[in-house]
Amino acid sequence: MQKTARRSQPVARPPGRPREFDMDTALDRAVRVFRERGYHATSIGDLTAAMRLATGSVYKAFQDKRAVFLAAFERYTARRQEQTRSAAALGANGRERVRNVLLSYVEHSQGSEGRRGCLVVGSAVELSALDPEIGARVIAQLKTNENFVAGLIREGQADGSIPRTVEAGDTARLMICITQGLRVVGKARLPLDGERIVDVAMKLLA
């Protein structure tokens, strides 16, 4: 089985000319390649083409492919957290906020976005067993998502929209299993009836 690239330590950038590209834009392009192809099937050539950078610029900024991946992973998870929290914020109570989170996952699991896949799910499958650092980042992200959903459930219990008999922690864990499964189904290009799936999932809060 192919292993990940060697551990890469951050390298201090010597003073000189400022970087001539936008880091966030470059990382967003790298994220797309890693989501579509996975880590091992992505080459430095794939990344330089997607990021529209010379090979030397990539190595100067990131040192190696693994460092690009770690930066892309952080960029991806930060953006997804922002999207999920923005969706939740549109709800008037805890129950509606949980529903909006689920609908957001359905939306990102359909069409071209769904076919690109989730970088967290892809990393869990491809890299977690081979790279302890990436595995730890995957676990941390899943726990962050789980804690967020558990918090929304508790908000619903406080405002009366979710029964207090619902066990927030266990239910949030099951919700995360559902959301990550949606991303797998979307990657596999299976059709999703989002409203029906969310309606069934919301019965966990009955």
C-alpha atoms as a PDB file:
ATOM      1  CA  MET A   1       0.000   0.000   0.000  1.00  0.00           C
ATOM      2  CA  GLN A   2       1.346   3.399  -0.914  1.00  0.00           C
ATOM      3  CA  LYS A   3       2.260   5.602   1.995  1.00  0.00           C
ATOM      4  CA  THR A   4       1.884   9.321   2.387  1.00  0.00           C
ATOM      5  CA  ALA A   5       4.761  11.656   1.797  1.00  0.00           C
ATOM      6  CA  ARG A   6       7.301  12.199   4.562  1.00  0.00           C
ATOM      7  CA  ARG A   7       6.471  14.506   7.421  1.00  0.00           C
ATOM      8  CA  SER A   8       7.000  18.124   6.463  1.00  0.00           C
ATOM      9  CA  GLN A   9       7.939  20.850   8.904  1.00  0.00           C
ATOM     10  CA  PRO A  10       7.097  24.498   8.255  1.00  0.00           C
ATOM     11  CA  VAL A  11      10.018  26.307   6.716  1.00  0.00           C
ATOM     12  CA  ALA A  12      10.657  29.932   7.588  1.00  0.00           C
ATOM     13  CA  ARG A  13      10.329  32.138   4.518  1.00  0.00           C
ATOM     14  CA  PRO A  14      13.407  34.352   4.029  1.00  0.00           C
ATOM     15  CA  PRO A  15      12.828  38.063   3.530  1.00  0.00           C
ATOM     16  CA  GLY A  16      12.565  39.101  -0.080  1.00  0.00           C
ATOM     17  CA  ARG A  17       9.973  39.719  -2.747  1.00  0.00           C
ATOM     18  CA  PRO A  18       6.359  39.346  -1.574  1.00  0.00           C
ATOM     19  CA  ARG A  19       4.440  36.294  -2.713  1.00  0.00           C
ATOM     20  CA  GLU A  20       2.968  36.965  -6.152  1.00  0.00           C
ATOM     21  CA  PHE A  21      -0.209  34.908  -5.815  1.00  0.00           C
ATOM     22  CA  ASP A  22      -3.270  34.855  -3.598  1.00  0.00           C
ATOM     23  CA  MET A  23      -2.856  32.007  -1.100  1.00  0.00           C
ATOM     24  CA  ASP A  24      -6.572  31.384  -0.508  1.00  0.00           C
ATOM     25  CA  THR A  25      -7.318  31.203  -4.237  1.00  0.00           C
ATOM     26  CA  ALA A  26      -4.418  28.810  -4.785  1.00  0.00           C
ATOM     27  CA  LEU A  27      -5.553  26.592  -1.902  1.00  0.00           C
ATOM     28  CA  ASP A  28      -9.149  26.545  -3.119  1.00  0.00           C
ATOM     29  CA  ARG A  29      -7.877  25.187  -6.423  1.00  0.00           C
ATOM     30  CA  ALA A  30      -5.748  22.600  -4.639  1.00  0.00           C
ATOM     31  CA  VAL A  31      -8.761  21.574  -2.550  1.00  0.00           C
ATOM     32  CA  ARG A  32     -10.733  20.841  -5.696  1.00  0.00           C
ATOM     33  CA  VAL A  33      -7.996  18.571  -7.072  1.00  0.00           C
ATOM     34  CA  PHE A  34      -7.601  16.648  -3.815  1.00  0.00           C
ATOM     35  CA  ARG A  35     -11.374  16.244  -3.501  1.00  0.00           C
ATOM     36  CA  GLU A  36     -11.750  14.933  -7.034  1.00  0.00           C
ATOM     37  CA  ARG A  37      -8.637  12.735  -7.259  1.00  0.00           C
ATOM     38  CA  GLY A  38      -7.645  11.935  -3.680  1.00  0.00           C
ATOM     39  CA  TYR A  39      -4.192  12.386  -2.174  1.00  0.00           C
ATOM     40  CA  HIS A  40      -2.219   9.550  -3.772  1.00  0.00           C
ATOM     41  CA  ALA A  41      -3.578  10.095  -7.303  1.00  0.00           C
ATOM     42  CA  THR A  42      -2.678  13.792  -7.188  1.00  0.00           C
ATOM     43  CA  SER A  43       0.790  14.754  -8.381  1.00  0.00           C
ATOM     44  CA  ILE A  44       2.733  17.973  -7.950  1.00  0.00           C
ATOM     45  CA  GLY A  45       2.113  18.495 -11.659  1.00  0.00           C
ATOM     46  CA  ASP A  46      -1.639  18.255 -11.088  1.00  0.00           C
ATOM     47  CA  LEU A  47      -1.379  20.804  -8.303  1.00  0.00           C
ATOM     48  CA  THR A  48       0.786  23.296 -10.176  1.00  0.00           C
ATOM     49  CA  ALA A  49      -1.590  23.149 -13.144  1.00  0.00           C
ATOM     50  CA  ALA A  50      -4.676  23.607 -10.968  1.00  0.00           C
ATOM     51  CA  MET A  51      -3.134  26.283  -8.752  1.00  0.00           C
ATOM     52  CA  ARG A  52      -1.693  28.032 -11.836  1.00  0.00           C
ATOM     53  CA  LEU A  53       1.724  28.246 -10.248  1.00  0.00           C
ATOM     54  CA  ALA A  54       5.208  27.286 -11.288  1.00  0.00           C
ATOM     55  CA  THR A  55       6.600  24.194  -9.577  1.00  0.00           C
ATOM     56  CA  GLY A  56       9.223  26.330  -7.870  1.00  0.00           C
ATOM     57  CA  SER A  57       6.551  28.597  -6.407  1.00  0.00           C
ATOM     58  CA  VAL A  58       4.699  25.622  -4.943  1.00  0.00           C
ATOM     59  CA  TYR A  59       7.835  24.204  -3.326  1.00  0.00           C
ATOM     60  CA  LYS A  60       8.855  27.618  -2.031  1.00  0.00           C
ATOM     61  CA  ALA A  61       5.477  28.202  -0.415  1.00  0.00           C
ATOM     62  CA  PHE A  62       4.680  24.681   0.816  1.00  0.00           C
ATOM     63  CA  GLN A  63       7.844  22.529   0.635  1.00  0.00           C
ATOM     64  CA  ASP A  64       6.110  19.356  -0.608  1.00  0.00           C
ATOM     65  CA  LYS A  65       2.793  17.778  -1.619  1.00  0.00           C
ATOM     66  CA  ARG A  66       1.909  16.796   1.925  1.00  0.00           C
ATOM     67  CA  ALA A  67       2.295  20.383   3.110  1.00  0.00           C
ATOM     68  CA  VAL A  68      -0.007  21.542   0.305  1.00  0.00           C
ATOM     69  CA  PHE A  69      -2.538  18.947   1.392  1.00  0.00           C
ATOM     70  CA  LEU A  70      -2.437  19.980   5.058  1.00  0.00           C
ATOM     71  CA  ALA A  71      -2.967  23.630   4.132  1.00  0.00           C
ATOM     72  CA  ALA A  72      -5.769  22.671   1.733  1.00  0.00           C
ATOM     73  CA  PHE A  73      -7.418  20.540   4.421  1.00  0.00           C
ATOM     74  CA  GLU A  74      -7.425  23.453   6.852  1.00  0.00           C
ATOM     75  CA  ARG A  75      -8.800  25.789   4.200  1.00  0.00           C
ATOM     76  CA  TYR A  76     -11.541  23.319   3.264  1.00  0.00           C
ATOM     77  CA  THR A  77     -12.682  22.593   6.819  1.00  0.00           C
ATOM     78  CA  ALA A  78     -12.731  26.293   7.730  1.00  0.00           C
ATOM     79  CA  ARG A  79     -14.936  27.109   4.733  1.00  0.00           C
ATOM     80  CA  ARG A  80     -17.275  24.172   5.353  1.00  0.00           C
ATOM     81  CA  GLN A  81     -17.677  25.156   8.999  1.00  0.00           C
ATOM     82  CA  GLU A  82     -18.585  28.662   7.927  1.00  0.00           C
ATOM     83  CA  GLN A  83     -21.147  27.349   5.424  1.00  0.00           C
ATOM     84  CA  THR A  84     -22.705  24.992   7.979  1.00  0.00           C
ATOM     85  CA  ARG A  85     -22.955  27.643  10.660  1.00  0.00           C
ATOM     86  CA  SER A  86     -24.439  30.127   8.216  1.00  0.00           C
ATOM     87  CA  ALA A  87     -27.098  27.590   7.243  1.00  0.00           C
ATOM     88  CA  ALA A  88     -27.897  26.845  10.882  1.00  0.00           C
ATOM     89  CA  ALA A  89     -28.203  30.530  11.740  1.00  0.00           C
ATOM     90  CA  LEU A  90     -31.199  30.872   9.423  1.00  0.00           C
ATOM     91  CA  GLY A  91     -33.334  28.734  11.748  1.00  0.00           C
ATOM     92  CA  ALA A  92     -35.644  30.344  14.286  1.00  0.00           C
ATOM     93  CA  ASN A  93     -35.082  27.640  16.925  1.00  0.00           C
ATOM     94  CA  GLY A  94     -32.872  24.678  17.662  1.00  0.00           C
ATOM     95  CA  ARG A  95     -34.978  22.209  15.696  1.00  0.00           C
ATOM     96  CA  GLU A  96     -34.998  24.397  12.585  1.00  0.00           C
ATOM     97  CA  ARG A  97     -31.256  24.950  12.893  1.00  0.00           C
ATOM     98  CA  VAL A  98     -30.594  21.189  12.944  1.00  0.00           C
ATOM     99  CA  ARG A  99     -32.839  20.759   9.910  1.00  0.00           C
ATOM    100  CA  ASN A 100     -30.994  23.512   8.062  1.00  0.00           C
ATOM    101  CA  VAL A 101     -27.670  21.810   8.764  1.00  0.00           C
ATOM    102  CA  LEU A 102     -28.963  18.562   7.286  1.00  0.00           C
ATOM    103  CA  LEU A 103     -30.367  20.364   4.242  1.00  0.00           C
ATOM    104  CA  SER A 104     -27.004  22.063   3.761  1.00  0.00           C
ATOM    105  CA  TYR A 105     -25.286  18.675   3.653  1.00  0.00           C
ATOM    106  CA  VAL A 106     -27.832  17.429   1.136  1.00  0.00           C
ATOM    107  CA  GLU A 107     -27.168  20.492  -1.037  1.00  0.00           C
ATOM    108  CA  HIS A 108     -23.411  19.921  -0.955  1.00  0.00           C
ATOM    109  CA  SER A 109     -23.892  16.223  -1.743  1.00  0.00           C
ATOM    110  CA  GLN A 110     -25.673  16.810  -5.054  1.00  0.00           C
ATOM    111  CA  GLY A 111     -24.592  17.755  -8.560  1.00  0.00           C
ATOM    112  CA  SER A 112     -21.023  18.681  -9.401  1.00  0.00           C
ATOM    113  CA  GLU A 113     -20.305  19.662  -5.795  1.00  0.00           C
ATOM    114  CA  GLY A 114     -21.403  16.254  -4.582  1.00  0.00           C
ATOM    115  CA  ARG A 115     -19.332  14.461  -7.224  1.00  0.00           C
ATOM    116  CA  ARG A 116     -16.185  16.242  -6.065  1.00  0.00           C
ATOM    117  CA  GLY A 117     -16.682  14.664  -2.662  1.00  0.00           C
ATOM    118  CA  CYS A 118     -15.792  15.707   0.869  1.00  0.00           C
ATOM    119  CA  LEU A 119     -12.135  16.155   1.750  1.00  0.00           C
ATOM    120  CA  VAL A 120     -12.748  15.028   5.329  1.00  0.00           C
ATOM    121  CA  VAL A 121     -14.466  11.808   4.255  1.00  0.00           C
ATOM    122  CA  GLY A 122     -11.840  11.165   1.576  1.00  0.00           C
ATOM    123  CA  SER A 123      -9.029  11.721   4.075  1.00  0.00           C
ATOM    124  CA  ALA A 124     -10.665   9.405   6.610  1.00  0.00           C
ATOM    125  CA  VAL A 125     -10.820   6.606   4.052  1.00  0.00           C
ATOM    126  CA  GLU A 126      -7.515   7.121   2.253  1.00  0.00           C
ATOM    127  CA  LEU A 127      -5.108   8.556   4.817  1.00  0.00           C
ATOM    128  CA  SER A 128      -6.191   8.112   8.428  1.00  0.00           C
ATOM    129  CA  ALA A 129      -4.703   4.640   8.804  1.00  0.00           C
ATOM    130  CA  LEU A 130      -1.397   5.690   7.224  1.00  0.00           C
ATOM    131  CA  ASP A 131      -0.794   9.158   8.610  1.00  0.00           C
ATOM    132  CA  PRO A 132      -1.493   9.740  12.328  1.00  0.00           C
ATOM    133  CA  GLU A 133      -1.402  13.529  12.010  1.00  0.00           C
ATOM    134  CA  ILE A 134      -3.981  13.615   9.238  1.00  0.00           C
ATOM    135  CA  GLY A 135      -6.014  11.002  11.101  1.00  0.00           C
ATOM    136  CA  ALA A 136      -6.033  13.233  14.173  1.00  0.00           C
ATOM    137  CA  ARG A 137      -7.187  16.196  12.079  1.00  0.00           C
ATOM    138  CA  VAL A 138     -10.019  14.144  10.618  1.00  0.00           C
ATOM    139  CA  ILE A 139     -11.152  13.052  14.086  1.00  0.00           C
ATOM    140  CA  ALA A 140     -10.931  16.612  15.390  1.00  0.00           C
ATOM    141  CA  GLN A 141     -13.076  17.895  12.543  1.00  0.00           C
ATOM    142  CA  LEU A 142     -15.709  15.203  12.984  1.00  0.00           C
ATOM    143  CA  LYS A 143     -15.820  15.928  16.713  1.00  0.00           C
ATOM    144  CA  THR A 144     -16.194  19.647  15.998  1.00  0.00           C
ATOM    145  CA  ASN A 145     -19.139  18.911  13.719  1.00  0.00           C
ATOM    146  CA  GLU A 146     -20.666  16.532  16.248  1.00  0.00           C
ATOM    147  CA  ASN A 147     -20.336  19.018  19.100  1.00  0.00           C
ATOM    148  CA  PHE A 148     -21.928  21.714  16.968  1.00  0.00           C
ATOM    149  CA  VAL A 149     -24.967  19.550  16.214  1.00  0.00           C
ATOM    150  CA  ALA A 150     -25.210  18.481  19.872  1.00  0.00           C
ATOM    151  CA  GLY A 151     -25.219  22.154  20.821  1.00  0.00           C
ATOM    152  CA  LEU A 152     -28.072  22.840  18.416  1.00  0.00           C
ATOM    153  CA  ILE A 153     -30.051  19.950  19.900  1.00  0.00           C
ATOM    154  CA  ARG A 154     -29.537  21.354  23.388  1.00  0.00           C
ATOM    155  CA  GLU A 155     -30.654  24.764  22.137  1.00  0.00           C
ATOM    156  CA  GLY A 156     -33.807  23.111  20.830  1.00  0.00           C
ATOM    157  CA  GLN A 157     -34.396  21.444  24.169  1.00  0.00           C
ATOM    158  CA  ALA A 158     -33.997  24.801  25.910  1.00  0.00           C
ATOM    159  CA  ASP A 159     -36.434  26.575  23.583  1.00  0.00           C
ATOM    160  CA  GLY A 160     -38.946  23.703  23.579  1.00  0.00           C
ATOM    161  CA  SER A 161     -38.625  22.703  19.923  1.00  0.00           C
ATOM    162  CA  ILE A 162     -36.884  19.386  20.742  1.00  0.00           C
ATOM    163  CA  PRO A 163     -38.015  17.016  23.530  1.00  0.00           C
ATOM    164  CA  ARG A 164     -35.719  16.798  26.533  1.00  0.00           C
ATOM    165  CA  THR A 165     -35.916  13.003  26.281  1.00  0.00           C
ATOM    166  CA  VAL A 166     -33.635  13.149  23.216  1.00  0.00           C
ATOM    167  CA  GLU A 167     -30.049  12.233  24.146  1.00  0.00           C
ATOM    168  CA  ALA A 168     -28.099  15.086  22.569  1.00  0.00           C
ATOM    169  CA  GLY A 169     -24.671  13.443  22.358  1.00  0.00           C
ATOM    170  CA  ASP A 170     -25.729  10.097  20.909  1.00  0.00           C
ATOM    171  CA  THR A 171     -28.187  11.728  18.504  1.00  0.00           C
ATOM    172  CA  ALA A 172     -25.535  14.162  17.285  1.00  0.00           C
ATOM    173  CA  ARG A 173     -23.164  11.229  16.632  1.00  0.00           C
ATOM    174  CA  LEU A 174     -25.835   9.509  14.537  1.00  0.00           C
ATOM    175  CA  MET A 175     -26.522  12.759  12.677  1.00  0.00           C
ATOM    176  CA  ILE A 176     -22.820  12.969  11.773  1.00  0.00           C
ATOM    177  CA  CYS A 177     -22.972   9.399  10.477  1.00  0.00           C
ATOM    178  CA  ILE A 178     -25.880  10.493   8.283  1.00  0.00           C
ATOM    179  CA  THR A 179     -24.193  13.655   6.997  1.00  0.00           C
ATOM    180  CA  GLN A 180     -20.945  11.913   6.151  1.00  0.00           C
ATOM    181  CA  GLY A 181     -22.902   9.126   4.478  1.00  0.00           C
ATOM    182  CA  LEU A 182     -24.609  11.755   2.341  1.00  0.00           C
ATOM    183  CA  ARG A 183     -21.206  12.903   1.115  1.00  0.00           C
ATOM    184  CA  VAL A 184     -20.262   9.339   0.172  1.00  0.00           C
ATOM    185  CA  VAL A 185     -23.545   8.852  -1.695  1.00  0.00           C
ATOM    186  CA  GLY A 186     -23.005  12.148  -3.502  1.00  0.00           C
ATOM    187  CA  LYS A 187     -19.485  11.141  -4.523  1.00  0.00           C
ATOM    188  CA  ALA A 188     -20.887   7.867  -5.863  1.00  0.00           C
ATOM    189  CA  ARG A 189     -23.446   9.876  -7.892  1.00  0.00           C
ATOM    190  CA  LEU A 190     -26.470   8.142  -6.437  1.00  0.00           C
ATOM    191  CA  PRO A 191     -29.629  10.277  -6.631  1.00  0.00           C
ATOM    192  CA  LEU A 192     -30.781  11.920  -3.409  1.00  0.00           C
ATOM    193  CA  ASP A 193     -34.286  12.916  -2.435  1.00  0.00           C
ATOM    194  CA  GLY A 194     -33.042  15.464   0.047  1.00  0.00           C
ATOM    195  CA  GLU A 195     -36.327  16.518   1.626  1.00  0.00           C
ATOM    196  CA  ARG A 196     -37.397  12.927   2.304  1.00  0.00           C
ATOM    197  CA  ILE A 197     -34.011  11.987   3.759  1.00  0.00           C
ATOM    198  CA  VAL A 198     -34.017  15.010   6.041  1.00  0.00           C
ATOM    199  CA  ASP A 199     -37.613  14.308   7.126  1.00  0.00           C
ATOM    200  CA  VAL A 200     -36.593  10.791   8.171  1.00  0.00           C
ATOM    201  CA  ALA A 201     -33.485  12.043   9.967  1.00  0.00           C
ATOM    202  CA  MET A 202     -35.509  14.634  11.873  1.00  0.00           C
ATOM    203  CA  LYS A 203     -37.580  11.806  13.419  1.00  0.00           C
ATOM    204  CA  LEU A 204     -34.536  11.261  15.648  1.00  0.00           C
ATOM    205  CA  LEU A 205     -35.612  14.473  17.394  1.00  0.00           C
ATOM    206  CA  ALA A 206     -39.185  13.370  17.990  1.00  0.00           C
END
